[in-house]
Amino acid sequence: MSKRHDAIFDDVLKDLPAPATSDRAGARFLKRTNALSETGEREEKVLRWVDPASCIMWSRHNRAYDLLTEENCRELIDSLRSQGQQEFPAIVRKLPMGHGAEYEVICGARRHFAISWLRANNYPQFRYLIEVRDLTDEEAFRLADIENRDRADLSDYERARDYLQALGAYYGGKQKTMAARLEVSEAWLSRYLHLARLPKAIIDAWPSITEIRELHARQIRPMLHDAEDKVLVEAERIAAEQGKARVGQGAYVAVPKVLSRLKAAAYGPVPQVSKPVNGVTIEKRGKRVRIEFPNSIDTAELRSALDDYLLGRTEK
């Protein structure tokens, strides 16, 4: 983990008992350990083994819990089963009475899913390891973000959606302030916010939100600027096809095909370019034809290339 990430951890946890140092900030924060307090007395961070049913996800958790499956958590499930227990605790907050659960999970959704799955599939001895922290919502947001920022299993869109919600909830809509608190550039943050602001029709046109990348938002942005109505109409058509695929009626439209169809909707079909003949290029763009040739070309060569093109068009 980078020094920048270490600094964010230190800021979030500045008022909490400091655990011992290790090579990774995440491990340093999560690992059970004894530490010296400011008074010189030893303190022990108390961890708890609980039934995962006593925990619910924080409403602002940056991972879409409903997208977690046995398949995409298989590696973690197998690791836990091999180790016999969970090694790194989830970070939770205590809930007031009347919430239907005792704790809310700030970091540890995949661990929660994996332990729950094991308990429901012949491993009732597994329990969920938690560490209770007293964190504000903004501190909880930054902590969850730094834990998951470098993880490939958290999609760009999940992260982008989380940033957009946090922008209004914690930073008064001030992008500069938010970027400073997260220690990222405004440009980097802006790209994710744009992804989160894509119209619903565009999001639905993807096979899954986990496949939407920040790069895709950059590719779509000029299309929406130039021909938004046409692009959204095509996106709705694609979304209908994806919806059928989700219930087993046909195949999904792959991401490259989605992008090419949206681009065609914005700018028309890919121009047909004839093979250059004697330096002459003839390109068909919709109802128009564009001819390019070097100024130095011989008149006879130019006439020959035009004759070839006209002959081919007549034969069609």
C-alpha atoms as a PDB file:
ATOM      1  CA  MET A   1       0.000   0.000   0.000  1.00  0.00           C
ATOM      2  CA  SER A   2       1.323   3.458  -0.893  1.00  0.00           C
ATOM      3  CA  LYS A   3       2.535   6.153   1.473  1.00  0.00           C
ATOM      4  CA  ARG A   4      -0.469   8.207   0.425  1.00  0.00           C
ATOM      5  CA  HIS A   5      -2.784   5.454   1.578  1.00  0.00           C
ATOM      6  CA  ASP A   6      -0.851   5.198   4.844  1.00  0.00           C
ATOM      7  CA  ALA A   7      -1.397   8.904   5.413  1.00  0.00           C
ATOM      8  CA  ILE A   8      -5.149   8.585   4.936  1.00  0.00           C
ATOM      9  CA  PHE A   9      -5.274   5.720   7.413  1.00  0.00           C
ATOM     10  CA  ASP A  10      -3.337   7.787   9.931  1.00  0.00           C
ATOM     11  CA  ASP A  11      -5.726  10.709   9.506  1.00  0.00           C
ATOM     12  CA  VAL A  12      -8.881   8.609   9.864  1.00  0.00           C
ATOM     13  CA  LEU A  13      -7.558   6.787  12.912  1.00  0.00           C
ATOM     14  CA  LYS A  14      -5.740   9.657  14.586  1.00  0.00           C
ATOM     15  CA  ASP A  15      -7.983   9.607  17.665  1.00  0.00           C
ATOM     16  CA  LEU A  16      -8.026   5.819  18.040  1.00  0.00           C
ATOM     17  CA  PRO A  17      -5.543   3.537  19.849  1.00  0.00           C
ATOM     18  CA  ALA A  18      -2.607   3.042  17.495  1.00  0.00           C
ATOM     19  CA  PRO A  19      -1.784  -0.581  16.644  1.00  0.00           C
ATOM     20  CA  ALA A  20       1.731  -1.834  16.037  1.00  0.00           C
ATOM     21  CA  THR A  21       3.556  -1.108  12.795  1.00  0.00           C
ATOM     22  CA  SER A  22       3.760  -3.551   9.878  1.00  0.00           C
ATOM     23  CA  ASP A  23       4.564  -3.327   6.191  1.00  0.00           C
ATOM     24  CA  ARG A  24       0.997  -2.680   5.004  1.00  0.00           C
ATOM     25  CA  ALA A  25      -1.280   0.047   6.349  1.00  0.00           C
ATOM     26  CA  GLY A  26      -4.349  -2.128   5.952  1.00  0.00           C
ATOM     27  CA  ALA A  27      -2.805  -5.022   7.840  1.00  0.00           C
ATOM     28  CA  ARG A  28      -1.460  -2.617  10.450  1.00  0.00           C
ATOM     29  CA  PHE A  29      -4.955  -1.243  11.010  1.00  0.00           C
ATOM     30  CA  LEU A  30      -6.850  -4.518  10.951  1.00  0.00           C
ATOM     31  CA  LYS A  31      -4.508  -6.916  12.724  1.00  0.00           C
ATOM     32  CA  ARG A  32      -5.225  -7.822  16.351  1.00  0.00           C
ATOM     33  CA  THR A  33      -2.421  -6.482  18.488  1.00  0.00           C
ATOM     34  CA  ASN A  34      -1.406  -4.873  21.751  1.00  0.00           C
ATOM     35  CA  ALA A  35      -0.306  -1.240  21.719  1.00  0.00           C
ATOM     36  CA  LEU A  36       1.060   1.341  24.144  1.00  0.00           C
ATOM     37  CA  SER A  37      -1.319   4.180  24.940  1.00  0.00           C
ATOM     38  CA  GLU A  38      -0.205   7.758  25.451  1.00  0.00           C
ATOM     39  CA  THR A  39      -0.128   7.136  29.217  1.00  0.00           C
ATOM     40  CA  GLY A  40       2.310   4.252  28.758  1.00  0.00           C
ATOM     41  CA  GLU A  41      -0.193   1.599  29.774  1.00  0.00           C
ATOM     42  CA  ARG A  42      -0.776  -1.420  27.551  1.00  0.00           C
ATOM     43  CA  GLU A  43      -4.111  -1.600  25.788  1.00  0.00           C
ATOM     44  CA  GLU A  44      -5.578  -4.520  23.909  1.00  0.00           C
ATOM     45  CA  LYS A  45      -7.897  -4.138  20.992  1.00  0.00           C
ATOM     46  CA  VAL A  46     -10.757  -6.495  21.748  1.00  0.00           C
ATOM     47  CA  LEU A  47     -12.067  -8.446  18.781  1.00  0.00           C
ATOM     48  CA  ARG A  48     -15.351 -10.320  18.790  1.00  0.00           C
ATOM     49  CA  TRP A  49     -16.572 -13.483  17.102  1.00  0.00           C
ATOM     50  CA  VAL A  50     -20.242 -13.023  16.193  1.00  0.00           C
ATOM     51  CA  ASP A  51     -22.975 -14.562  14.114  1.00  0.00           C
ATOM     52  CA  PRO A  52     -22.899 -12.693  10.767  1.00  0.00           C
ATOM     53  CA  ALA A  53     -26.692 -12.421  11.051  1.00  0.00           C
ATOM     54  CA  SER A  54     -26.112  -9.865  13.819  1.00  0.00           C
ATOM     55  CA  CYS A  55     -24.498  -7.527  11.271  1.00  0.00           C
ATOM     56  CA  ILE A  56     -25.956  -5.536   8.398  1.00  0.00           C
ATOM     57  CA  MET A  57     -24.157  -3.540   5.715  1.00  0.00           C
ATOM     58  CA  TRP A  58     -23.760   0.176   6.297  1.00  0.00           C
ATOM     59  CA  SER A  59     -26.230   1.922   3.993  1.00  0.00           C
ATOM     60  CA  ARG A  60     -23.313   3.831   2.481  1.00  0.00           C
ATOM     61  CA  HIS A  61     -21.115   0.770   2.002  1.00  0.00           C
ATOM     62  CA  ASN A  62     -19.266   1.109  -1.309  1.00  0.00           C
ATOM     63  CA  ARG A  63     -19.755  -2.497  -2.387  1.00  0.00           C
ATOM     64  CA  ALA A  64     -22.993  -3.738  -3.952  1.00  0.00           C
ATOM     65  CA  TYR A  65     -23.642  -6.633  -1.583  1.00  0.00           C
ATOM     66  CA  ASP A  66     -26.345  -8.127  -3.798  1.00  0.00           C
ATOM     67  CA  LEU A  67     -23.730  -8.693  -6.510  1.00  0.00           C
ATOM     68  CA  LEU A  68     -21.671 -10.972  -4.276  1.00  0.00           C
ATOM     69  CA  THR A  69     -22.035 -14.629  -5.216  1.00  0.00           C
ATOM     70  CA  GLU A  70     -20.454 -17.953  -4.409  1.00  0.00           C
ATOM     71  CA  GLU A  71     -18.640 -17.722  -7.726  1.00  0.00           C
ATOM     72  CA  ASN A  72     -17.041 -14.298  -7.321  1.00  0.00           C
ATOM     73  CA  CYS A  73     -16.211 -15.003  -3.652  1.00  0.00           C
ATOM     74  CA  ARG A  74     -14.972 -18.541  -4.287  1.00  0.00           C
ATOM     75  CA  GLU A  75     -11.295 -17.754  -3.666  1.00  0.00           C
ATOM     76  CA  LEU A  76     -12.083 -16.126  -0.321  1.00  0.00           C
ATOM     77  CA  ILE A  77     -14.439 -18.949   0.701  1.00  0.00           C
ATOM     78  CA  ASP A  78     -11.801 -21.554  -0.077  1.00  0.00           C
ATOM     79  CA  SER A  79      -9.156 -19.567   1.793  1.00  0.00           C
ATOM     80  CA  LEU A  80     -11.313 -19.280   4.912  1.00  0.00           C
ATOM     81  CA  ARG A  81     -12.179 -22.950   4.813  1.00  0.00           C
ATOM     82  CA  SER A  82      -8.496 -23.843   4.468  1.00  0.00           C
ATOM     83  CA  GLN A  83      -7.445 -21.567   7.354  1.00  0.00           C
ATOM     84  CA  GLY A  84     -10.310 -22.712   9.544  1.00  0.00           C
ATOM     85  CA  GLN A  85     -11.257 -19.167  10.529  1.00  0.00           C
ATOM     86  CA  GLN A  86     -11.249 -15.526   9.476  1.00  0.00           C
ATOM     87  CA  GLU A  87      -7.886 -13.887  10.162  1.00  0.00           C
ATOM     88  CA  PHE A  88      -8.527 -10.178   9.584  1.00  0.00           C
ATOM     89  CA  PRO A  89     -11.512  -8.605  11.336  1.00  0.00           C
ATOM     90  CA  ALA A  90     -14.185  -6.591   9.621  1.00  0.00           C
ATOM     91  CA  ILE A  91     -14.594  -3.027  10.854  1.00  0.00           C
ATOM     92  CA  VAL A  92     -18.062  -2.338  12.258  1.00  0.00           C
ATOM     93  CA  ARG A  93     -19.967   0.236  14.271  1.00  0.00           C
ATOM     94  CA  LYS A  94     -22.377  -0.468  17.092  1.00  0.00           C
ATOM     95  CA  LEU A  95     -26.012   0.179  16.173  1.00  0.00           C
ATOM     96  CA  PRO A  96     -28.594   1.690  18.523  1.00  0.00           C
ATOM     97  CA  MET A  97     -31.434  -0.506  19.695  1.00  0.00           C
ATOM     98  CA  GLY A  98     -34.287  -1.022  17.267  1.00  0.00           C
ATOM     99  CA  HIS A  99     -32.272  -1.428  14.050  1.00  0.00           C
ATOM    100  CA  GLY A 100     -32.842  -5.169  13.723  1.00  0.00           C
ATOM    101  CA  ALA A 101     -29.116  -5.862  14.014  1.00  0.00           C
ATOM    102  CA  GLU A 102     -26.378  -5.174  16.529  1.00  0.00           C
ATOM    103  CA  TYR A 103     -23.643  -3.922  14.180  1.00  0.00           C
ATOM    104  CA  GLU A 104     -23.261  -2.291  10.787  1.00  0.00           C
ATOM    105  CA  VAL A 105     -20.334  -3.270   8.557  1.00  0.00           C
ATOM    106  CA  ILE A 106     -18.042  -0.485   7.342  1.00  0.00           C
ATOM    107  CA  CYS A 107     -15.319  -2.719   5.843  1.00  0.00           C
ATOM    108  CA  GLY A 108     -15.739  -6.443   5.305  1.00  0.00           C
ATOM    109  CA  ALA A 109     -18.718  -7.140   3.043  1.00  0.00           C
ATOM    110  CA  ARG A 110     -17.008 -10.004   1.184  1.00  0.00           C
ATOM    111  CA  ARG A 111     -15.867 -11.567   4.451  1.00  0.00           C
ATOM    112  CA  HIS A 112     -19.442 -11.284   5.732  1.00  0.00           C
ATOM    113  CA  PHE A 113     -20.802 -12.984   2.619  1.00  0.00           C
ATOM    114  CA  ALA A 114     -18.177 -15.736   2.702  1.00  0.00           C
ATOM    115  CA  ILE A 115     -18.724 -16.560   6.389  1.00  0.00           C
ATOM    116  CA  SER A 116     -22.506 -16.509   5.894  1.00  0.00           C
ATOM    117  CA  TRP A 117     -22.160 -18.843   2.922  1.00  0.00           C
ATOM    118  CA  LEU A 118     -19.958 -21.270   4.859  1.00  0.00           C
ATOM    119  CA  ARG A 119     -22.393 -21.352   7.792  1.00  0.00           C
ATOM    120  CA  ALA A 120     -25.253 -22.100   5.411  1.00  0.00           C
ATOM    121  CA  ASN A 121     -23.290 -24.824   3.638  1.00  0.00           C
ATOM    122  CA  ASN A 122     -22.242 -27.340   6.283  1.00  0.00           C
ATOM    123  CA  TYR A 123     -19.730 -25.189   8.209  1.00  0.00           C
ATOM    124  CA  PRO A 124     -21.808 -23.821  11.127  1.00  0.00           C
ATOM    125  CA  GLN A 125     -18.686 -23.464  13.291  1.00  0.00           C
ATOM    126  CA  PHE A 126     -17.505 -20.400  11.341  1.00  0.00           C
ATOM    127  CA  ARG A 127     -18.140 -17.063  12.988  1.00  0.00           C
ATOM    128  CA  TYR A 128     -17.608 -13.496  11.819  1.00  0.00           C
ATOM    129  CA  LEU A 129     -14.590 -11.687  13.280  1.00  0.00           C
ATOM    130  CA  ILE A 130     -15.289  -8.008  13.929  1.00  0.00           C
ATOM    131  CA  GLU A 131     -13.657  -4.994  15.498  1.00  0.00           C
ATOM    132  CA  VAL A 132     -15.978  -2.279  16.756  1.00  0.00           C
ATOM    133  CA  ARG A 133     -14.893   1.292  16.023  1.00  0.00           C
ATOM    134  CA  ASP A 134     -16.398   4.668  16.830  1.00  0.00           C
ATOM    135  CA  LEU A 135     -16.287   6.503  13.490  1.00  0.00           C
ATOM    136  CA  THR A 136     -18.169   9.425  11.963  1.00  0.00           C
ATOM    137  CA  ASP A 137     -19.837   8.807   8.612  1.00  0.00           C
ATOM    138  CA  GLU A 138     -17.145  10.774   6.791  1.00  0.00           C
ATOM    139  CA  GLU A 139     -14.378   8.840   8.532  1.00  0.00           C
ATOM    140  CA  ALA A 140     -16.165   5.583   7.750  1.00  0.00           C
ATOM    141  CA  PHE A 141     -16.420   6.592   4.085  1.00  0.00           C
ATOM    142  CA  ARG A 142     -12.725   7.386   3.803  1.00  0.00           C
ATOM    143  CA  LEU A 143     -11.747   4.211   5.618  1.00  0.00           C
ATOM    144  CA  ALA A 144     -13.884   2.038   3.334  1.00  0.00           C
ATOM    145  CA  ASP A 145     -12.554   3.859   0.282  1.00  0.00           C
ATOM    146  CA  ILE A 146      -8.895   3.421   1.143  1.00  0.00           C
ATOM    147  CA  GLU A 147      -9.393  -0.268   1.953  1.00  0.00           C
ATOM    148  CA  ASN A 148     -11.043  -0.943  -1.397  1.00  0.00           C
ATOM    149  CA  ARG A 149      -9.393   1.566  -3.757  1.00  0.00           C
ATOM    150  CA  ASP A 150      -6.747  -0.851  -5.030  1.00  0.00           C
ATOM    151  CA  ARG A 151      -8.967  -3.926  -5.118  1.00  0.00           C
ATOM    152  CA  ALA A 152      -9.815  -5.227  -8.567  1.00  0.00           C
ATOM    153  CA  ASP A 153     -12.985  -6.933  -7.315  1.00  0.00           C
ATOM    154  CA  LEU A 154     -14.652  -3.583  -6.626  1.00  0.00           C
ATOM    155  CA  SER A 155     -15.923  -2.231  -9.937  1.00  0.00           C
ATOM    156  CA  ASP A 156     -15.324   1.286 -11.226  1.00  0.00           C
ATOM    157  CA  TYR A 157     -19.059   1.965 -11.187  1.00  0.00           C
ATOM    158  CA  GLU A 158     -19.525   0.887  -7.559  1.00  0.00           C
ATOM    159  CA  ARG A 159     -16.653   3.169  -6.586  1.00  0.00           C
ATOM    160  CA  ALA A 160     -17.955   6.038  -8.735  1.00  0.00           C
ATOM    161  CA  ARG A 161     -21.463   5.784  -7.309  1.00  0.00           C
ATOM    162  CA  ASP A 162     -20.025   5.866  -3.801  1.00  0.00           C
ATOM    163  CA  TYR A 163     -18.017   9.015  -4.588  1.00  0.00           C
ATOM    164  CA  LEU A 164     -21.032  10.833  -6.004  1.00  0.00           C
ATOM    165  CA  GLN A 165     -23.130  10.076  -2.912  1.00  0.00           C
ATOM    166  CA  ALA A 166     -20.301  11.148  -0.607  1.00  0.00           C
ATOM    167  CA  LEU A 167     -19.777  14.395  -2.522  1.00  0.00           C
ATOM    168  CA  GLY A 168     -23.161  15.678  -1.442  1.00  0.00           C
ATOM    169  CA  ALA A 169     -23.368  13.922   1.921  1.00  0.00           C
ATOM    170  CA  TYR A 170     -20.000  14.952   3.397  1.00  0.00           C
ATOM    171  CA  TYR A 171     -18.410  17.667   1.281  1.00  0.00           C
ATOM    172  CA  GLY A 172     -21.285  20.013   0.409  1.00  0.00           C
ATOM    173  CA  GLY A 173     -20.889  19.266  -3.295  1.00  0.00           C
ATOM    174  CA  LYS A 174     -17.365  20.725  -3.252  1.00  0.00           C
ATOM    175  CA  GLN A 175     -15.244  18.502  -5.447  1.00  0.00           C
ATOM    176  CA  LYS A 176     -12.003  20.270  -4.525  1.00  0.00           C
ATOM    177  CA  THR A 177     -12.586  19.642  -0.811  1.00  0.00           C
ATOM    178  CA  MET A 178     -13.406  15.990  -1.387  1.00  0.00           C
ATOM    179  CA  ALA A 179     -10.336  15.433  -3.555  1.00  0.00           C
ATOM    180  CA  ALA A 180      -8.143  16.973  -0.854  1.00  0.00           C
ATOM    181  CA  ARG A 181      -9.639  14.755   1.862  1.00  0.00           C
ATOM    182  CA  LEU A 182      -9.133  11.632  -0.267  1.00  0.00           C
ATOM    183  CA  GLU A 183      -5.686  12.840  -1.358  1.00  0.00           C
ATOM    184  CA  VAL A 184      -6.417  12.388  -5.058  1.00  0.00           C
ATOM    185  CA  SER A 185      -6.344  14.860  -7.944  1.00  0.00           C
ATOM    186  CA  GLU A 186      -9.497  16.728  -8.903  1.00  0.00           C
ATOM    187  CA  ALA A 187      -9.164  15.396 -12.450  1.00  0.00           C
ATOM    188  CA  TRP A 188      -9.052  11.791 -11.209  1.00  0.00           C
ATOM    189  CA  LEU A 189     -12.101  12.306  -9.016  1.00  0.00           C
ATOM    190  CA  SER A 190     -13.950  14.124 -11.806  1.00  0.00           C
ATOM    191  CA  ARG A 191     -13.640  11.133 -14.127  1.00  0.00           C
ATOM    192  CA  TYR A 192     -15.300   8.859 -11.571  1.00  0.00           C
ATOM    193  CA  LEU A 193     -18.040  11.376 -10.856  1.00  0.00           C
ATOM    194  CA  HIS A 194     -18.797  11.562 -14.572  1.00  0.00           C
ATOM    195  CA  LEU A 195     -19.102   7.784 -14.671  1.00  0.00           C
ATOM    196  CA  ALA A 196     -21.587   7.876 -11.797  1.00  0.00           C
ATOM    197  CA  ARG A 197     -23.652  10.527 -13.609  1.00  0.00           C
ATOM    198  CA  LEU A 198     -24.152   8.526 -16.801  1.00  0.00           C
ATOM    199  CA  PRO A 199     -27.856   8.211 -17.727  1.00  0.00           C
ATOM    200  CA  LYS A 200     -29.615   5.076 -16.492  1.00  0.00           C
ATOM    201  CA  ALA A 201     -30.210   3.909 -20.066  1.00  0.00           C
ATOM    202  CA  ILE A 202     -26.448   3.799 -20.635  1.00  0.00           C
ATOM    203  CA  ILE A 203     -25.853   1.834 -17.420  1.00  0.00           C
ATOM    204  CA  ASP A 204     -28.611  -0.646 -18.300  1.00  0.00           C
ATOM    205  CA  ALA A 205     -27.046  -1.194 -21.736  1.00  0.00           C
ATOM    206  CA  TRP A 206     -24.053  -2.933 -20.117  1.00  0.00           C
ATOM    207  CA  PRO A 207     -24.203  -6.665 -19.366  1.00  0.00           C
ATOM    208  CA  SER A 208     -23.448  -5.840 -15.696  1.00  0.00           C
ATOM    209  CA  ILE A 209     -22.479  -2.748 -13.735  1.00  0.00           C
ATOM    210  CA  THR A 210     -19.274  -4.574 -12.792  1.00  0.00           C
ATOM    211  CA  GLU A 211     -18.178  -4.321 -16.448  1.00  0.00           C
ATOM    212  CA  ILE A 212     -18.546  -0.558 -16.736  1.00  0.00           C
ATOM    213  CA  ARG A 213     -15.159   1.139 -16.621  1.00  0.00           C
ATOM    214  CA  GLU A 214     -14.159   4.732 -16.081  1.00  0.00           C
ATOM    215  CA  LEU A 215     -12.592   4.573 -19.562  1.00  0.00           C
ATOM    216  CA  HIS A 216     -16.003   3.741 -21.072  1.00  0.00           C
ATOM    217  CA  ALA A 217     -17.474   6.915 -19.581  1.00  0.00           C
ATOM    218  CA  ARG A 218     -14.752   8.933 -21.283  1.00  0.00           C
ATOM    219  CA  GLN A 219     -15.562   7.258 -24.610  1.00  0.00           C
ATOM    220  CA  ILE A 220     -19.297   7.886 -24.256  1.00  0.00           C
ATOM    221  CA  ARG A 221     -19.046  11.496 -23.121  1.00  0.00           C
ATOM    222  CA  PRO A 222     -18.505  13.015 -26.609  1.00  0.00           C
ATOM    223  CA  MET A 223     -21.264  10.806 -28.049  1.00  0.00           C
ATOM    224  CA  LEU A 224     -23.775  12.187 -25.550  1.00  0.00           C
ATOM    225  CA  HIS A 225     -22.543  15.710 -26.215  1.00  0.00           C
ATOM    226  CA  ASP A 226     -22.949  15.377 -29.991  1.00  0.00           C
ATOM    227  CA  ALA A 227     -26.112  13.255 -30.280  1.00  0.00           C
ATOM    228  CA  GLU A 228     -27.594  12.484 -26.857  1.00  0.00           C
ATOM    229  CA  ASP A 229     -31.120  11.640 -28.046  1.00  0.00           C
ATOM    230  CA  LYS A 230     -29.926   9.136 -30.655  1.00  0.00           C
ATOM    231  CA  VAL A 231     -27.461   7.530 -28.271  1.00  0.00           C
ATOM    232  CA  LEU A 232     -30.063   7.102 -25.525  1.00  0.00           C
ATOM    233  CA  VAL A 233     -32.572   5.554 -27.933  1.00  0.00           C
ATOM    234  CA  GLU A 234     -30.000   2.971 -29.010  1.00  0.00           C
ATOM    235  CA  ALA A 235     -28.966   2.409 -25.387  1.00  0.00           C
ATOM    236  CA  GLU A 236     -32.579   1.580 -24.516  1.00  0.00           C
ATOM    237  CA  ARG A 237     -32.677  -0.957 -27.370  1.00  0.00           C
ATOM    238  CA  ILE A 238     -29.494  -2.594 -26.108  1.00  0.00           C
ATOM    239  CA  ALA A 239     -30.790  -2.542 -22.521  1.00  0.00           C
ATOM    240  CA  ALA A 240     -33.880  -4.454 -23.634  1.00  0.00           C
ATOM    241  CA  GLU A 241     -31.639  -7.117 -25.180  1.00  0.00           C
ATOM    242  CA  GLN A 242     -29.530  -7.316 -22.022  1.00  0.00           C
ATOM    243  CA  GLY A 243     -32.694  -7.673 -19.961  1.00  0.00           C
ATOM    244  CA  LYS A 244     -33.777 -10.683 -22.009  1.00  0.00           C
ATOM    245  CA  ALA A 245     -30.313 -12.218 -21.662  1.00  0.00           C
ATOM    246  CA  ARG A 246     -30.537 -11.911 -17.867  1.00  0.00           C
ATOM    247  CA  VAL A 247     -33.584 -14.180 -17.872  1.00  0.00           C
ATOM    248  CA  GLY A 248     -32.026 -16.671 -20.269  1.00  0.00           C
ATOM    249  CA  GLN A 249     -33.519 -15.364 -23.512  1.00  0.00           C
ATOM    250  CA  GLY A 250     -30.580 -14.931 -25.848  1.00  0.00           C
ATOM    251  CA  ALA A 251     -26.982 -13.883 -25.397  1.00  0.00           C
ATOM    252  CA  TYR A 252     -25.621 -10.749 -23.763  1.00  0.00           C
ATOM    253  CA  VAL A 253     -24.418  -7.912 -25.976  1.00  0.00           C
ATOM    254  CA  ALA A 254     -20.684  -7.762 -25.269  1.00  0.00           C
ATOM    255  CA  VAL A 255     -19.146  -4.464 -24.156  1.00  0.00           C
ATOM    256  CA  PRO A 256     -17.191  -3.791 -27.405  1.00  0.00           C
ATOM    257  CA  LYS A 257     -20.421  -4.294 -29.370  1.00  0.00           C
ATOM    258  CA  VAL A 258     -22.304  -1.976 -27.010  1.00  0.00           C
ATOM    259  CA  LEU A 259     -19.748   0.762 -27.594  1.00  0.00           C
ATOM    260  CA  SER A 260     -19.737   0.309 -31.370  1.00  0.00           C
ATOM    261  CA  ARG A 261     -23.546   0.454 -31.543  1.00  0.00           C
ATOM    262  CA  LEU A 262     -23.697   3.608 -29.438  1.00  0.00           C
ATOM    263  CA  LYS A 263     -21.025   5.208 -31.607  1.00  0.00           C
ATOM    264  CA  ALA A 264     -22.894   4.256 -34.776  1.00  0.00           C
ATOM    265  CA  ALA A 265     -26.054   5.783 -33.324  1.00  0.00           C
ATOM    266  CA  ALA A 266     -24.208   9.044 -32.679  1.00  0.00           C
ATOM    267  CA  TYR A 267     -22.208   9.351 -35.885  1.00  0.00           C
ATOM    268  CA  GLY A 268     -23.680   6.901 -38.370  1.00  0.00           C
ATOM    269  CA  PRO A 269     -22.090   3.697 -39.673  1.00  0.00           C
ATOM    270  CA  VAL A 270     -18.328   3.417 -40.012  1.00  0.00           C
ATOM    271  CA  PRO A 271     -17.290   5.224 -43.229  1.00  0.00           C
ATOM    272  CA  GLN A 272     -16.446   2.967 -46.153  1.00  0.00           C
ATOM    273  CA  VAL A 273     -12.976   3.728 -47.447  1.00  0.00           C
ATOM    274  CA  SER A 274     -11.872   2.372 -50.774  1.00  0.00           C
ATOM    275  CA  LYS A 275      -8.406   0.957 -51.218  1.00  0.00           C
ATOM    276  CA  PRO A 276      -6.083   3.772 -52.332  1.00  0.00           C
ATOM    277  CA  VAL A 277      -5.424   3.649 -56.076  1.00  0.00           C
ATOM    278  CA  ASN A 278      -2.437   5.674 -57.298  1.00  0.00           C
ATOM    279  CA  GLY A 279      -2.643   7.769 -54.132  1.00  0.00           C
ATOM    280  CA  VAL A 280      -6.389   8.450 -54.488  1.00  0.00           C
ATOM    281  CA  THR A 281      -8.627   7.689 -51.460  1.00  0.00           C
ATOM    282  CA  ILE A 282     -12.401   7.640 -51.893  1.00  0.00           C
ATOM    283  CA  GLU A 283     -14.415   7.549 -48.644  1.00  0.00           C
ATOM    284  CA  LYS A 284     -18.182   7.204 -48.403  1.00  0.00           C
ATOM    285  CA  ARG A 285     -19.793   9.018 -45.485  1.00  0.00           C
ATOM    286  CA  GLY A 286     -23.549   8.493 -45.432  1.00  0.00           C
ATOM    287  CA  LYS A 287     -24.917  10.256 -48.508  1.00  0.00           C
ATOM    288  CA  ARG A 288     -21.651  11.991 -49.302  1.00  0.00           C
ATOM    289  CA  VAL A 289     -18.386  10.853 -50.873  1.00  0.00           C
ATOM    290  CA  ARG A 290     -15.030  12.321 -49.943  1.00  0.00           C
ATOM    291  CA  ILE A 291     -12.143  12.084 -52.423  1.00  0.00           C
ATOM    292  CA  GLU A 292      -8.564  12.852 -51.427  1.00  0.00           C
ATOM    293  CA  PHE A 293      -5.471  12.828 -53.644  1.00  0.00           C
ATOM    294  CA  PRO A 294      -2.053  14.490 -53.710  1.00  0.00           C
ATOM    295  CA  ASN A 295      -1.872  17.730 -55.670  1.00  0.00           C
ATOM    296  CA  SER A 296       1.026  16.341 -57.662  1.00  0.00           C
ATOM    297  CA  ILE A 297      -0.961  13.400 -59.093  1.00  0.00           C
ATOM    298  CA  ASP A 298      -1.006  13.024 -62.838  1.00  0.00           C
ATOM    299  CA  THR A 299      -4.363  13.903 -64.466  1.00  0.00           C
ATOM    300  CA  ALA A 300      -4.535  10.560 -66.226  1.00  0.00           C
ATOM    301  CA  GLU A 301      -3.959   8.672 -62.955  1.00  0.00           C
ATOM    302  CA  LEU A 302      -6.687  10.685 -61.221  1.00  0.00           C
ATOM    303  CA  ARG A 303      -9.122  10.053 -64.069  1.00  0.00           C
ATOM    304  CA  SER A 304      -8.309   6.335 -63.962  1.00  0.00           C
ATOM    305  CA  ALA A 305      -9.012   6.127 -60.220  1.00  0.00           C
ATOM    306  CA  LEU A 306     -12.312   7.970 -60.629  1.00  0.00           C
ATOM    307  CA  ASP A 307     -13.307   5.720 -63.517  1.00  0.00           C
ATOM    308  CA  ASP A 308     -12.609   2.651 -61.373  1.00  0.00           C
ATOM    309  CA  TYR A 309     -14.781   4.036 -58.573  1.00  0.00           C
ATOM    310  CA  LEU A 310     -17.638   4.953 -60.896  1.00  0.00           C
ATOM    311  CA  LEU A 311     -17.487   1.559 -62.548  1.00  0.00           C
ATOM    312  CA  GLY A 312     -17.681  -0.177 -59.187  1.00  0.00           C
ATOM    313  CA  ARG A 313     -20.647   1.932 -58.095  1.00  0.00           C
ATOM    314  CA  THR A 314     -22.484   1.165 -61.338  1.00  0.00           C
ATOM    315  CA  GLU A 315     -21.954  -2.553 -60.895  1.00  0.00           C
ATOM    316  CA  LYS A 316     -23.489  -2.389 -57.408  1.00  0.00           C
END
